[in-house]
Protein backbone atom coordinates (compact mmCIF):
# COMPACT_ATOMS: atom_id res chain seq x y z
CA MET A 1 12.81 6.86 9.35
CA ALA A 2 15.14 4.61 7.38
CA ASP A 3 15.64 4.94 3.76
CA PRO A 4 12.82 3.00 2.18
CA ILE A 5 14.88 1.63 -0.68
CA ALA A 6 16.71 -1.30 0.81
CA SER A 7 20.33 -2.39 0.08
CA ALA A 8 20.96 -5.94 -1.50
CA ASP A 9 22.43 -6.77 1.96
CA ASP A 10 18.83 -6.31 3.43
CA SER A 11 17.65 -9.62 1.32
CA ASP A 12 19.78 -11.76 3.79
CA ARG A 13 17.24 -10.98 6.38
CA GLY A 14 13.70 -12.19 5.66
CA PRO A 15 10.73 -9.82 4.93
CA ALA A 16 8.23 -8.22 6.88
CA VAL A 17 4.87 -9.80 5.71
CA LEU A 18 1.50 -8.08 5.42
CA PHE A 19 -1.25 -10.71 4.98
CA ILE A 20 -4.82 -9.24 3.54
CA GLY A 21 -7.77 -11.51 3.86
CA GLY A 22 -10.48 -11.76 1.25
CA PHE A 23 -14.11 -11.03 1.18
CA PRO A 24 -16.05 -11.57 3.41
CA THR A 25 -13.66 -12.59 5.97
CA ASP A 26 -12.54 -11.42 9.45
CA SER A 27 -8.85 -10.63 10.31
CA THR A 28 -8.99 -13.02 13.32
CA TRP A 29 -9.54 -15.94 10.88
CA TYR A 30 -6.01 -15.60 9.38
CA GLU A 31 -4.10 -15.69 12.80
CA PRO A 32 -3.05 -19.52 12.14
CA THR A 33 -1.28 -18.16 9.19
CA ARG A 34 1.16 -15.98 11.13
CA GLY A 35 3.19 -18.94 12.50
CA VAL A 36 3.07 -20.85 9.09
CA VAL A 37 4.56 -17.55 7.53
CA LEU A 38 7.12 -16.84 10.57
CA ARG A 39 8.55 -20.63 10.09
CA ARG A 40 9.71 -19.63 6.67
CA GLY A 41 12.07 -16.71 7.81
CA ALA A 42 9.63 -13.72 7.87
CA THR A 43 10.96 -11.06 10.45
CA ARG A 44 7.37 -10.29 11.27
CA VAL A 45 3.82 -11.08 10.26
CA THR A 46 0.93 -8.38 10.44
CA ILE A 47 -2.87 -9.44 9.34
CA ALA A 48 -4.52 -6.46 8.00
CA PRO A 49 -7.19 -5.39 10.38
CA LEU A 50 -10.18 -5.81 8.07
CA ARG A 51 -12.88 -7.30 10.19
CA LEU A 52 -16.10 -8.73 8.68
CA TRP A 53 -18.10 -5.60 9.20
CA HIS A 54 -15.43 -3.60 7.11
CA TRP A 55 -16.18 -6.11 4.09
CA LEU A 56 -20.02 -6.09 4.66
CA ALA A 57 -19.66 -2.16 4.45
CA ALA A 58 -17.77 -2.44 1.27
CA ALA A 59 -20.86 -3.76 -0.17
CA PHE A 60 -22.81 -0.63 0.12
CA VAL A 61 -20.00 2.01 0.20
CA GLY A 62 -17.35 0.54 -2.02
CA LEU A 63 -13.74 -0.56 -1.55
CA GLY A 64 -12.18 2.70 -0.79
CA PRO A 65 -12.49 2.66 3.04
CA ALA A 66 -11.19 -0.88 3.01
CA ALA A 67 -8.21 0.11 0.66
CA SER A 68 -7.26 2.87 3.21
CA ILE A 69 -7.00 0.30 6.11
CA VAL A 70 -4.83 -1.72 3.82
CA ALA A 71 -2.51 1.20 2.96
CA ARG A 72 -1.93 2.49 6.53
CA ALA A 73 -1.11 -1.17 7.58
CA MET A 74 1.35 -1.29 4.63
CA ASP A 75 3.03 1.95 5.70
CA GLU A 76 3.01 0.94 9.49
CA LEU A 77 4.56 -2.54 9.13
CA SER A 78 7.48 -0.85 6.82
CA ASP A 79 8.07 1.67 9.53
CA GLU A 80 8.16 -1.10 12.18
CA ASP A 81 10.71 -2.94 10.04
CA GLY A 82 13.05 -0.02 9.83
CA GLY A 83 11.56 1.36 6.74
CA ARG A 84 12.37 -1.72 4.60
CA PRO A 85 10.07 -2.53 1.71
CA ILE A 86 7.57 -5.20 2.76
CA LEU A 87 6.13 -8.41 1.29
CA VAL A 88 2.43 -8.10 0.74
CA VAL A 89 0.25 -11.36 0.58
CA GLY A 90 -3.31 -10.66 -0.61
CA HIS A 91 -5.84 -13.55 -0.45
CA SER A 92 -8.83 -13.42 -2.98
CA GLY A 93 -10.36 -9.89 -2.76
CA GLY A 94 -7.24 -8.84 -0.62
CA GLY A 95 -5.21 -8.89 -3.60
CA ILE A 96 -7.66 -6.13 -5.18
CA LEU A 97 -7.38 -4.15 -2.09
CA ALA A 98 -3.39 -4.40 -2.30
CA ARG A 99 -3.76 -2.95 -6.02
CA LEU A 100 -5.91 -0.30 -4.86
CA ALA A 101 -3.67 0.90 -1.92
CA LEU A 102 -0.61 0.98 -4.42
CA ALA A 103 -2.33 2.88 -7.15
CA ARG A 104 -0.77 6.20 -8.40
CA LYS A 105 -4.25 7.62 -8.35
CA SER A 106 -6.67 7.41 -5.44
CA PHE A 107 -9.83 5.18 -5.68
CA ASP A 108 -12.87 6.99 -4.30
CA GLY A 109 -10.62 9.02 -1.87
CA ALA A 110 -8.83 5.89 -0.56
CA CYS A 111 -5.49 6.53 1.18
CA GLN A 112 -2.36 5.44 -0.58
CA ALA A 113 0.68 3.63 0.69
CA ARG A 114 3.82 5.72 0.91
CA PRO A 115 6.32 5.20 -1.93
CA GLY A 116 8.84 2.56 -1.16
CA ALA A 117 6.55 0.94 1.56
CA VAL A 118 6.11 -2.21 -0.44
CA GLY A 119 8.57 -4.42 -2.48
CA ALA A 120 6.79 -7.35 -3.49
CA VAL A 121 3.00 -8.20 -3.75
CA VAL A 122 1.67 -12.01 -3.84
CA THR A 123 -2.12 -12.54 -4.70
CA LEU A 124 -3.41 -15.80 -3.84
CA GLY A 125 -6.81 -16.86 -5.82
CA THR A 126 -7.61 -13.11 -6.67
CA PRO A 127 -10.26 -12.79 -9.36
CA HIS A 128 -8.30 -10.32 -11.48
CA LEU A 129 -9.87 -11.11 -14.68
CA ALA A 130 -13.41 -11.67 -13.42
CA LYS A 131 -15.82 -11.22 -16.33
CA ARG A 132 -19.02 -10.90 -14.37
CA VAL A 133 -19.61 -10.21 -10.68
CA ASP A 134 -23.32 -9.89 -9.64
CA GLY A 135 -24.92 -8.35 -6.52
CA THR A 136 -24.31 -5.23 -4.70
CA PHE A 137 -20.78 -6.06 -3.82
CA GLY A 138 -20.30 -7.11 -7.29
CA TYR A 139 -21.12 -3.75 -8.50
CA HIS A 140 -18.30 -2.06 -6.41
CA GLY A 141 -15.77 -4.86 -7.45
CA ARG A 142 -16.28 -4.23 -11.01
CA ARG A 143 -15.92 -0.56 -10.42
CA ALA A 144 -12.72 -1.28 -8.78
CA LEU A 145 -11.40 -3.54 -11.67
CA ARG A 146 -12.33 -1.07 -14.27
CA PHE A 147 -10.48 1.69 -12.38
CA LEU A 148 -7.29 -0.52 -12.24
CA ALA A 149 -7.58 -1.41 -15.85
CA ARG A 150 -8.45 2.19 -17.11
CA HIS A 151 -5.42 3.83 -15.15
CA GLU A 152 -2.80 1.04 -15.50
CA ALA A 153 0.49 2.59 -15.23
CA PRO A 154 3.03 1.53 -15.86
CA PRO A 155 1.51 -0.90 -18.73
CA PRO A 156 2.23 -4.68 -18.55
CA PRO A 157 5.00 -5.96 -18.38
CA ARG A 158 5.06 -4.63 -14.72
CA PRO A 159 8.31 -3.85 -12.81
CA ALA A 160 9.76 -6.80 -10.53
CA GLY A 161 7.61 -7.21 -7.44
CA TRP A 162 4.13 -8.96 -8.60
CA LEU A 163 3.29 -12.48 -8.36
CA SER A 164 -0.18 -13.84 -9.02
CA ILE A 165 -1.22 -17.48 -8.11
CA GLY A 166 -4.14 -19.68 -9.16
CA SER A 167 -5.04 -23.19 -8.33
CA HIS A 168 -6.68 -26.30 -10.07
CA TRP A 169 -8.46 -27.86 -7.17
CA ALA A 170 -10.19 -31.03 -8.36
CA ALA A 171 -13.44 -31.46 -6.15
CA ASP A 172 -14.36 -34.70 -7.98
CA ASP A 173 -11.31 -36.04 -5.79
CA LEU A 174 -12.86 -35.48 -2.69
CA GLY A 175 -14.96 -38.64 -2.73
CA THR A 176 -19.05 -38.91 -2.00
CA GLY A 177 -21.27 -37.51 0.77
CA TRP A 178 -23.01 -34.33 1.37
CA LEU A 179 -19.78 -32.29 2.10
CA PRO A 180 -18.07 -33.01 -1.22
CA ARG A 181 -21.45 -32.59 -3.02
CA LEU A 182 -21.76 -29.06 -1.21
CA ARG A 183 -18.21 -28.03 -2.11
CA ARG A 184 -18.78 -28.86 -5.93
CA ALA A 185 -21.93 -26.99 -5.90
CA VAL A 186 -20.29 -23.73 -4.17
CA ALA A 187 -17.34 -24.15 -6.58
CA LEU A 188 -19.96 -24.09 -9.72
CA VAL A 189 -21.82 -21.26 -8.47
CA CYS A 190 -18.77 -19.18 -7.99
CA TYR A 191 -17.46 -19.94 -11.36
CA VAL A 192 -20.66 -18.88 -13.18
CA VAL A 193 -20.80 -15.73 -11.06
CA LEU A 194 -17.42 -14.83 -12.17
CA LEU A 195 -17.23 -15.95 -15.57
CA GLY A 196 -20.74 -15.77 -16.65
CA ALA A 197 -21.53 -18.21 -19.74
CA GLY A 198 -18.95 -21.26 -19.77
CA GLY A 199 -18.32 -20.99 -15.94
CA GLU A 200 -19.92 -24.18 -15.43
CA ARG A 201 -17.03 -25.91 -17.40
CA ALA A 202 -14.41 -23.96 -15.63
CA HIS A 203 -11.66 -25.17 -13.38
CA GLY A 204 -10.30 -23.45 -10.29
CA ASP A 205 -9.77 -23.31 -6.61
CA GLY A 206 -13.25 -23.96 -5.54
CA MET A 207 -14.17 -20.00 -5.70
CA VAL A 208 -11.83 -18.28 -8.39
CA PRO A 209 -11.42 -19.93 -11.87
CA LEU A 210 -8.02 -20.40 -13.10
CA GLU A 211 -8.72 -18.08 -16.05
CA CYS A 212 -9.54 -15.22 -13.67
CA ALA A 213 -6.44 -15.35 -11.12
CA PRO A 214 -3.53 -14.18 -13.40
CA LEU A 215 -2.67 -10.55 -13.36
CA PRO A 216 -1.77 -9.46 -16.54
CA GLY A 217 1.98 -8.49 -16.80
CA ALA A 218 2.90 -10.29 -13.62
CA ASP A 219 4.75 -13.50 -12.98
CA HIS A 220 2.21 -16.30 -12.42
CA LEU A 221 2.07 -19.74 -10.92
CA ARG A 222 -0.61 -22.35 -11.73
CA LEU A 223 -0.49 -24.85 -8.81
CA GLU A 224 -2.48 -28.06 -8.36
CA GLY A 225 -4.57 -29.43 -5.63
CA LEU A 226 -4.83 -26.31 -3.62
CA ALA A 227 -8.20 -24.91 -2.36
CA HIS A 228 -9.29 -21.41 -2.15
CA GLY A 229 -9.43 -21.11 1.75
CA PRO A 230 -9.42 -23.06 4.83
CA LYS A 231 -11.73 -25.04 6.76
CA PHE A 232 -14.82 -25.42 4.54
CA TRP A 233 -12.32 -26.59 1.56
CA GLY A 234 -10.07 -28.68 3.73
CA PRO A 235 -6.70 -28.24 5.20
CA ARG A 236 -4.91 -27.90 1.76
CA TRP A 237 -5.16 -24.23 0.88
CA TYR A 238 -2.94 -21.53 -0.58
CA ALA A 239 -1.60 -20.40 3.03
CA SER A 240 -1.30 -23.96 4.67
CA ASP A 241 2.05 -25.41 5.29
CA GLU A 242 1.77 -27.19 2.15
CA GLY A 243 0.54 -24.29 -0.01
CA LEU A 244 3.36 -22.15 1.25
CA ASP A 245 5.71 -24.75 0.30
CA ARG A 246 4.66 -24.49 -3.42
CA TRP A 247 5.08 -20.58 -3.82
CA TRP A 248 7.19 -19.15 -0.97
CA GLY A 249 10.49 -19.70 -2.74
CA SER A 250 9.14 -17.93 -5.95
CA ALA A 251 7.64 -15.10 -3.73
CA MET A 252 11.21 -14.62 -1.97
CA GLU A 253 13.08 -14.55 -5.14
CA ILE A 254 10.57 -11.83 -6.50
CA TRP A 255 10.92 -9.83 -3.14
CA GLN A 256 14.57 -10.00 -2.78
CA ARG A 257 15.01 -8.85 -6.88
CA SER A 258 12.66 -5.90 -5.93
CA LEU A 259 15.07 -4.97 -3.18
CA ILE A 260 18.20 -5.25 -5.42
CA SER A 261 16.54 -3.25 -8.18
CA GLY A 262 14.91 -0.67 -6.02
CA GLY A 263 11.59 -1.48 -8.05
CA GLU A 264 8.25 -0.64 -6.58
CA PRO A 265 5.15 -2.52 -7.55
CA GLN A 266 2.95 0.27 -8.70
CA VAL A 267 -0.07 -0.97 -10.59
CA ALA A 268 -2.40 1.89 -11.36
């Protein structure tokens, strides 16, 4: 296997990208994203094999098994790319799984990615700073966030390699009719679920409030006009062509910087 620490020359060749979907999605839903990322110079794109039933199971047994799937996908993609550190993109809850897979301590017995497999991580609308998450899945989500906060190492500021992204998506700009009203109602419920008191006044991407999206110690981008996900929220979302135009350049800079510095984005 090739040396996992890439040289500066490797930055001339685009990264292999692992895309991690969020709760409660299926990996097949992200297939259109593959072409969007490849057109921007990625050498290959893999969608983490998280199926809908993996997320449903996580609501009862926790995030450990899903984090193991992600860790194995990180190692496999890095090996396929000659051992170079890969670029990981975690959408929503997928960003939490990326953190768990890269943790220095195993969460609930989860597998961990090998050292050097990952050079940079981008999180899209991930609720890193959620204050309140209700329900069975919310309980396990809170456990994971408490674990990451308790075992944070190294402490902020983090080494090169992390970029968190949030968006202000103005549902009021969508006009009238039943679908815009439904979108606004969903956004309101999600903001209250993640923030508790005051959530009804929050702004965000339609699911995750802006104030929950920053990862402490990481580089952060606040975008305008991008929704949390595709289809239900319309075509303008984080991983659409328009969305990637807003953050891909920043992600590439961080990934290239990580290659040159030899940094590894350990989180916990």
